Protein backbone atom coordinates (compact mmCIF):
# COMPACT_ATOMS: atom_id res chain seq x y z
CA UNK A 1 14.20 5.46 -17.53
CA UNK A 2 13.60 8.28 -18.51
CA UNK A 3 9.75 7.94 -17.27
CA UNK A 4 11.39 7.42 -13.80
CA UNK A 5 13.76 10.90 -14.65
CA UNK A 6 10.36 12.49 -15.13
CA UNK A 7 8.56 11.31 -12.37
CA UNK A 8 11.03 12.13 -9.89
CA UNK A 9 10.81 15.79 -11.17
CA UNK A 10 6.99 15.91 -10.03
CA UNK A 11 5.81 17.31 -6.79
CA UNK A 12 4.63 13.85 -5.71
CA UNK A 13 8.37 11.86 -5.37
CA UNK A 14 10.01 15.43 -3.68
CA UNK A 15 8.23 14.07 -0.31
CA UNK A 16 10.21 12.63 2.37
CA UNK A 17 9.95 8.51 2.50
CA UNK A 18 8.62 8.79 5.94
CA UNK A 19 5.53 11.51 5.08
CA UNK A 20 4.48 9.11 2.09
CA UNK A 21 4.18 6.28 4.63
CA UNK A 22 2.53 7.93 6.61
CA UNK A 23 -0.06 9.04 4.44
CA UNK A 24 -0.40 5.69 2.75
CA UNK A 25 -0.69 3.75 6.31
CA UNK A 26 -3.52 6.59 6.98
CA UNK A 27 -5.11 5.86 3.50
CA UNK A 28 -4.90 2.16 4.95
CA UNK A 29 -7.01 2.25 7.87
CA UNK A 30 -9.65 4.27 5.99
CA UNK A 31 -13.16 2.87 6.17
CA UNK A 32 -15.91 2.48 3.93
CA UNK A 33 -19.33 1.30 4.80
CA UNK A 34 -17.41 -0.25 8.19
CA UNK A 35 -15.51 -2.06 6.07
CA UNK A 36 -12.09 -1.68 6.02
CA UNK A 37 -10.47 -1.13 2.68
CA UNK A 38 -7.30 -2.79 1.81
CA UNK A 39 -7.94 -3.11 -2.25
CA UNK A 40 -6.25 0.60 -2.88
CA UNK A 41 -2.29 -1.29 -1.27
CA UNK A 42 -2.07 -2.58 -4.95
CA UNK A 43 -3.23 -0.06 -6.90
CA UNK A 44 -1.08 2.67 -5.33
CA UNK A 45 1.72 0.48 -5.74
CA UNK A 46 1.00 1.22 -9.85
CA UNK A 47 1.64 4.99 -9.75
CA UNK A 48 5.61 5.31 -10.11
CA UNK A 49 8.43 2.95 -9.41
CA UNK A 50 9.47 5.27 -5.65
CA UNK A 51 5.27 4.67 -4.53
CA UNK A 52 5.60 1.28 -5.50
CA UNK A 53 8.66 0.21 -4.20
CA UNK A 54 7.96 2.13 -0.69
CA UNK A 55 4.09 0.08 -0.85
CA UNK A 56 5.96 -3.36 -1.57
CA UNK A 57 8.24 -3.14 1.22
CA UNK A 58 5.90 -1.74 4.01
CA UNK A 59 4.64 -4.50 6.21
CA UNK A 60 1.86 -2.10 7.79
CA UNK A 61 0.58 -1.48 4.35
CA UNK A 62 -0.70 -4.53 3.83
CA UNK A 63 -1.87 -6.05 7.47
CA UNK A 64 -5.65 -5.17 6.62
CA UNK A 65 -7.12 -8.05 4.71
CA UNK A 66 -10.37 -7.38 3.84
CA UNK A 67 -13.08 -10.03 2.69
CA UNK A 68 -13.67 -8.91 -0.81
CA UNK A 69 -9.50 -10.28 -1.48
CA UNK A 70 -9.53 -12.78 -3.73
CA UNK A 71 -7.40 -16.09 -2.30
CA UNK A 72 -4.16 -14.49 -4.59
CA UNK A 73 -4.08 -11.48 -2.87
CA UNK A 74 -4.88 -13.01 -0.15
CA UNK A 75 -1.80 -14.71 0.00
CA UNK A 76 0.30 -11.97 -1.11
CA UNK A 77 -0.80 -9.70 1.72
CA UNK A 78 -0.11 -12.31 4.21
CA UNK A 79 3.46 -12.76 2.97
CA UNK A 80 4.15 -9.40 2.43
CA UNK A 81 3.04 -8.24 5.77
CA UNK A 82 5.70 -10.66 7.18
CA UNK A 83 5.53 -10.45 11.30
CA UNK A 84 3.26 -7.51 11.65
CA UNK A 85 0.03 -8.08 13.05
CA UNK A 86 -2.52 -8.73 10.12
CA UNK A 87 -6.11 -7.85 10.84
CA UNK A 88 -9.03 -10.32 9.14
CA UNK A 89 -12.72 -8.82 7.74
CA UNK A 90 -14.57 -12.00 8.22
């Protein structure tokens, strides 16, 4: 509980949810050497409780499925993307 309070006082926690979502969406469409970088989503959810909640609950953040993902993570991305259009990298 104390860690959550501490994290809520950090500058990154004062960003409105809508702006942070836009930042996450921009990061999710970043390409590296022509490949979609989808592995960042789970890592972003480890930063703090509020980032985790936002990252786990936003379907558009889970729509880019790269070939480097394991079968377990691919299934997780499909579940979390809900009804959003999914982009598969094969």
